Amino acid sequence: MTNSISEGERLIHVLTGIYAMLLGFLFIQGLVGGILGVAGLAALGGGVSGKYGLSMVAPGLVAPGAKSAGDRDKGHTN
């Protein structure tokens, strides 16, 4: 199975996830901090796994003929 996001997007998601978790859990705290921390955890998880959005939550909802970012980057065709 191919990644649904490119390498650059993976790096952005990982860095953004780490930053949001630190900001939410350590500095803001409370309800808003918890929400921000969980969102950061989701971004980090998506960046590490290479899956993000609908392809990660509900793979059946992604159109069967849709190209993933990984396929576009490598020049593959469906």
C-alpha atoms as a PDB file:
ATOM      1  CA  MET A   1       0.000   0.000   0.000  1.00  0.00           C
ATOM      2  CA  THR A   2       1.368   3.420  -0.885  1.00  0.00           C
ATOM      3  CA  ASN A   3       1.535   6.489   1.305  1.00  0.00           C
ATOM      4  CA  SER A   4      -1.278   8.984   0.902  1.00  0.00           C
ATOM      5  CA  ILE A   5       1.021  11.974   1.525  1.00  0.00           C
ATOM      6  CA  SER A   6       4.415  12.919   0.091  1.00  0.00           C
ATOM      7  CA  GLU A   7       7.705  12.939   2.012  1.00  0.00           C
ATOM      8  CA  GLY A   8       7.620  16.731   2.408  1.00  0.00           C
ATOM      9  CA  GLU A   9       4.084  16.613   3.773  1.00  0.00           C
ATOM     10  CA  ARG A  10       5.106  13.845   6.172  1.00  0.00           C
ATOM     11  CA  LEU A  11       7.906  16.020   7.562  1.00  0.00           C
ATOM     12  CA  ILE A  12       5.549  18.990   7.946  1.00  0.00           C
ATOM     13  CA  HIS A  13       2.973  16.822   9.757  1.00  0.00           C
ATOM     14  CA  VAL A  14       5.583  15.394  12.142  1.00  0.00           C
ATOM     15  CA  LEU A  15       7.041  18.809  13.013  1.00  0.00           C
ATOM     16  CA  THR A  16       3.609  20.430  13.335  1.00  0.00           C
ATOM     17  CA  GLY A  17       2.392  17.534  15.491  1.00  0.00           C
ATOM     18  CA  ILE A  18       5.333  17.780  17.873  1.00  0.00           C
ATOM     19  CA  TYR A  19       4.946  21.557  18.134  1.00  0.00           C
ATOM     20  CA  ALA A  20       1.171  21.343  18.752  1.00  0.00           C
ATOM     21  CA  MET A  21       1.591  18.644  21.411  1.00  0.00           C
ATOM     22  CA  LEU A  22       4.246  20.639  23.256  1.00  0.00           C
ATOM     23  CA  LEU A  23       2.193  23.815  23.034  1.00  0.00           C
ATOM     24  CA  GLY A  24      -1.056  22.126  24.062  1.00  0.00           C
ATOM     25  CA  PHE A  25       0.088  19.756  26.790  1.00  0.00           C
ATOM     26  CA  LEU A  26       2.879  21.822  28.370  1.00  0.00           C
ATOM     27  CA  PHE A  27       2.078  25.486  27.877  1.00  0.00           C
ATOM     28  CA  ILE A  28      -1.651  26.063  27.336  1.00  0.00           C
ATOM     29  CA  GLN A  29      -3.072  23.113  29.357  1.00  0.00           C
ATOM     30  CA  GLY A  30      -6.728  22.862  30.305  1.00  0.00           C
ATOM     31  CA  LEU A  31      -9.439  21.914  27.807  1.00  0.00           C
ATOM     32  CA  VAL A  32      -8.057  23.963  24.907  1.00  0.00           C
ATOM     33  CA  GLY A  33      -4.564  22.625  25.516  1.00  0.00           C
ATOM     34  CA  GLY A  34      -5.867  19.068  25.593  1.00  0.00           C
ATOM     35  CA  ILE A  35      -7.698  19.525  22.296  1.00  0.00           C
ATOM     36  CA  LEU A  36      -4.613  21.085  20.704  1.00  0.00           C
ATOM     37  CA  GLY A  37      -2.425  18.284  22.076  1.00  0.00           C
ATOM     38  CA  VAL A  38      -4.698  15.560  20.704  1.00  0.00           C
ATOM     39  CA  ALA A  39      -4.796  17.300  17.308  1.00  0.00           C
ATOM     40  CA  GLY A  40      -0.997  17.405  17.398  1.00  0.00           C
ATOM     41  CA  LEU A  41      -0.906  13.713  18.238  1.00  0.00           C
ATOM     42  CA  ALA A  42      -3.130  12.988  15.226  1.00  0.00           C
ATOM     43  CA  ALA A  43      -0.854  15.066  12.965  1.00  0.00           C
ATOM     44  CA  LEU A  44       2.219  13.289  14.329  1.00  0.00           C
ATOM     45  CA  GLY A  45       0.629   9.887  13.807  1.00  0.00           C
ATOM     46  CA  GLY A  46      -0.320  10.760  10.241  1.00  0.00           C
ATOM     47  CA  GLY A  47       3.166  11.993   9.472  1.00  0.00           C
ATOM     48  CA  VAL A  48       4.879   8.948  10.945  1.00  0.00           C
ATOM     49  CA  SER A  49       2.566   6.433   9.268  1.00  0.00           C
ATOM     50  CA  GLY A  50       2.382   8.236   5.926  1.00  0.00           C
ATOM     51  CA  LYS A  51      -1.400   8.042   5.972  1.00  0.00           C
ATOM     52  CA  TYR A  52      -3.559  11.043   6.659  1.00  0.00           C
ATOM     53  CA  GLY A  53      -7.104  12.275   6.268  1.00  0.00           C
ATOM     54  CA  LEU A  54      -9.803   9.983   4.965  1.00  0.00           C
ATOM     55  CA  SER A  55      -7.351   7.271   3.927  1.00  0.00           C
ATOM     56  CA  MET A  56      -6.294   6.865   7.564  1.00  0.00           C
ATOM     57  CA  VAL A  57      -9.698   7.109   9.241  1.00  0.00           C
ATOM     58  CA  ALA A  58     -11.918   5.335   6.701  1.00  0.00           C
ATOM     59  CA  PRO A  59     -10.012   3.765   3.805  1.00  0.00           C
ATOM     60  CA  GLY A  60     -13.250   2.640   2.167  1.00  0.00           C
ATOM     61  CA  LEU A  61     -14.317   6.254   1.577  1.00  0.00           C
ATOM     62  CA  VAL A  62     -11.388   7.061  -0.708  1.00  0.00           C
ATOM     63  CA  ALA A  63     -12.293   6.759  -4.398  1.00  0.00           C
ATOM     64  CA  PRO A  64     -10.871   3.542  -5.911  1.00  0.00           C
ATOM     65  CA  GLY A  65      -9.325   5.318  -8.921  1.00  0.00           C
ATOM     66  CA  ALA A  66      -7.871   8.245  -6.963  1.00  0.00           C
ATOM     67  CA  LYS A  67      -4.114   8.707  -7.093  1.00  0.00           C
ATOM     68  CA  SER A  68      -2.278   9.127  -3.819  1.00  0.00           C
ATOM     69  CA  ALA A  69       0.404  11.775  -3.371  1.00  0.00           C
ATOM     70  CA  GLY A  70       3.003   9.009  -3.296  1.00  0.00           C
ATOM     71  CA  ASP A  71       1.874   7.778  -6.717  1.00  0.00           C
ATOM     72  CA  ARG A  72       1.942  11.298  -8.162  1.00  0.00           C
ATOM     73  CA  ASP A  73       5.470  11.884  -6.871  1.00  0.00           C
ATOM     74  CA  LYS A  74       6.773   8.661  -8.395  1.00  0.00           C
ATOM     75  CA  GLY A  75       5.022   9.125 -11.735  1.00  0.00           C
ATOM     76  CA  HIS A  76       2.817   6.036 -11.388  1.00  0.00           C
ATOM     77  CA  THR A  77      -0.476   5.869 -13.211  1.00  0.00           C
ATOM     78  CA  ASN A  78      -3.616   3.965 -12.306  1.00  0.00           C
END
